[in-house]
């Protein structure tokens, strides 16, 4: 299970980075897309961050328990 989480964490990090990049780009460019989607992108980034942090804590918890 912990090896599965070990591969999910980078995916979560990349998803967070991708949403953050799209959000920064849209705010820098401006226009209708930024007005319509900036709040949605911020919420999606926070959600991706929360999921990634939860995966990290779960991974650390499972590693700390060790095999028993």
C-alpha atoms as a PDB file:
ATOM      1  CA  UNK A   1       0.000   0.000   0.000  1.00  0.00           C
ATOM      2  CA  UNK A   2       2.764   2.465   0.858  1.00  0.00           C
ATOM      3  CA  UNK A   3       4.480   1.860  -2.483  1.00  0.00           C
ATOM      4  CA  UNK A   4       1.206   2.711  -4.216  1.00  0.00           C
ATOM      5  CA  UNK A   5       1.027   5.977  -2.263  1.00  0.00           C
ATOM      6  CA  UNK A   6       4.666   6.619  -3.099  1.00  0.00           C
ATOM      7  CA  UNK A   7       3.649   6.854  -6.766  1.00  0.00           C
ATOM      8  CA  UNK A   8       0.459   8.834  -6.121  1.00  0.00           C
ATOM      9  CA  UNK A   9       2.226  11.661  -4.291  1.00  0.00           C
ATOM     10  CA  UNK A  10       4.182  12.929  -7.356  1.00  0.00           C
ATOM     11  CA  UNK A  11       0.977  12.789  -9.393  1.00  0.00           C
ATOM     12  CA  UNK A  12      -0.730  14.974  -6.793  1.00  0.00           C
ATOM     13  CA  UNK A  13       2.221  17.359  -6.761  1.00  0.00           C
ATOM     14  CA  UNK A  14       2.134  17.647 -10.539  1.00  0.00           C
ATOM     15  CA  UNK A  15      -1.642  18.205 -10.527  1.00  0.00           C
ATOM     16  CA  UNK A  16      -1.232  21.002  -7.978  1.00  0.00           C
ATOM     17  CA  UNK A  17       1.551  22.566 -10.019  1.00  0.00           C
ATOM     18  CA  UNK A  18      -0.481  22.324 -13.227  1.00  0.00           C
ATOM     19  CA  UNK A  19      -3.551  24.005 -11.718  1.00  0.00           C
ATOM     20  CA  UNK A  20      -1.359  26.690 -10.156  1.00  0.00           C
ATOM     21  CA  UNK A  21       0.363  27.313 -13.497  1.00  0.00           C
ATOM     22  CA  UNK A  22      -2.919  27.620 -15.376  1.00  0.00           C
ATOM     23  CA  UNK A  23      -4.252  29.968 -12.707  1.00  0.00           C
ATOM     24  CA  UNK A  24      -1.203  32.227 -12.768  1.00  0.00           C
ATOM     25  CA  UNK A  25      -1.164  32.277 -16.556  1.00  0.00           C
ATOM     26  CA  UNK A  26      -4.849  33.148 -16.794  1.00  0.00           C
ATOM     27  CA  UNK A  27      -4.533  35.946 -14.232  1.00  0.00           C
ATOM     28  CA  UNK A  28      -1.487  37.366 -16.000  1.00  0.00           C
ATOM     29  CA  UNK A  29      -3.223  37.251 -19.374  1.00  0.00           C
ATOM     30  CA  UNK A  30      -6.540  38.546 -18.063  1.00  0.00           C
ATOM     31  CA  UNK A  31      -9.674  38.519 -20.119  1.00  0.00           C
ATOM     32  CA  UNK A  32     -12.926  36.623 -19.884  1.00  0.00           C
ATOM     33  CA  UNK A  33     -11.351  33.281 -18.970  1.00  0.00           C
ATOM     34  CA  UNK A  34      -9.656  34.769 -15.910  1.00  0.00           C
ATOM     35  CA  UNK A  35     -12.849  36.512 -14.785  1.00  0.00           C
ATOM     36  CA  UNK A  36     -14.922  33.356 -15.126  1.00  0.00           C
ATOM     37  CA  UNK A  37     -12.491  30.757 -13.817  1.00  0.00           C
ATOM     38  CA  UNK A  38      -9.996  32.313 -11.401  1.00  0.00           C
ATOM     39  CA  UNK A  39     -12.019  31.420  -8.310  1.00  0.00           C
ATOM     40  CA  UNK A  40     -12.663  27.873  -9.576  1.00  0.00           C
ATOM     41  CA  UNK A  41      -8.972  27.376 -10.283  1.00  0.00           C
ATOM     42  CA  UNK A  42      -8.057  28.604  -6.804  1.00  0.00           C
ATOM     43  CA  UNK A  43     -10.494  26.164  -5.208  1.00  0.00           C
ATOM     44  CA  UNK A  44      -9.226  23.340  -7.395  1.00  0.00           C
ATOM     45  CA  UNK A  45      -5.632  24.134  -6.401  1.00  0.00           C
ATOM     46  CA  UNK A  46      -6.518  24.107  -2.716  1.00  0.00           C
ATOM     47  CA  UNK A  47      -8.320  20.776  -3.166  1.00  0.00           C
ATOM     48  CA  UNK A  48      -5.348  19.262  -5.017  1.00  0.00           C
ATOM     49  CA  UNK A  49      -3.014  20.501  -2.289  1.00  0.00           C
ATOM     50  CA  UNK A  50      -5.210  19.066   0.460  1.00  0.00           C
ATOM     51  CA  UNK A  51      -5.383  15.671  -1.226  1.00  0.00           C
ATOM     52  CA  UNK A  52      -1.621  15.625  -1.783  1.00  0.00           C
ATOM     53  CA  UNK A  53      -0.895  16.570   1.823  1.00  0.00           C
ATOM     54  CA  UNK A  54      -3.313  13.889   3.054  1.00  0.00           C
ATOM     55  CA  UNK A  55      -1.529  11.320   0.874  1.00  0.00           C
ATOM     56  CA  UNK A  56       1.818  12.433   2.299  1.00  0.00           C
ATOM     57  CA  UNK A  57       0.591  12.079   5.891  1.00  0.00           C
ATOM     58  CA  UNK A  58      -0.917   8.669   5.133  1.00  0.00           C
ATOM     59  CA  UNK A  59       2.346   7.555   3.523  1.00  0.00           C
ATOM     60  CA  UNK A  60       4.361   8.724   6.521  1.00  0.00           C
ATOM     61  CA  UNK A  61       1.939   7.031   8.908  1.00  0.00           C
ATOM     62  CA  UNK A  62       2.202   3.722   7.055  1.00  0.00           C
ATOM     63  CA  UNK A  63       5.994   3.967   6.859  1.00  0.00           C
ATOM     64  CA  UNK A  64       6.187   4.761  10.591  1.00  0.00           C
ATOM     65  CA  UNK A  65       4.103   1.733  11.509  1.00  0.00           C
ATOM     66  CA  UNK A  66       6.504  -0.555   9.726  1.00  0.00           C
ATOM     67  CA  UNK A  67       5.779  -4.149   8.827  1.00  0.00           C
ATOM     68  CA  UNK A  68       3.961  -5.990  11.562  1.00  0.00           C
END
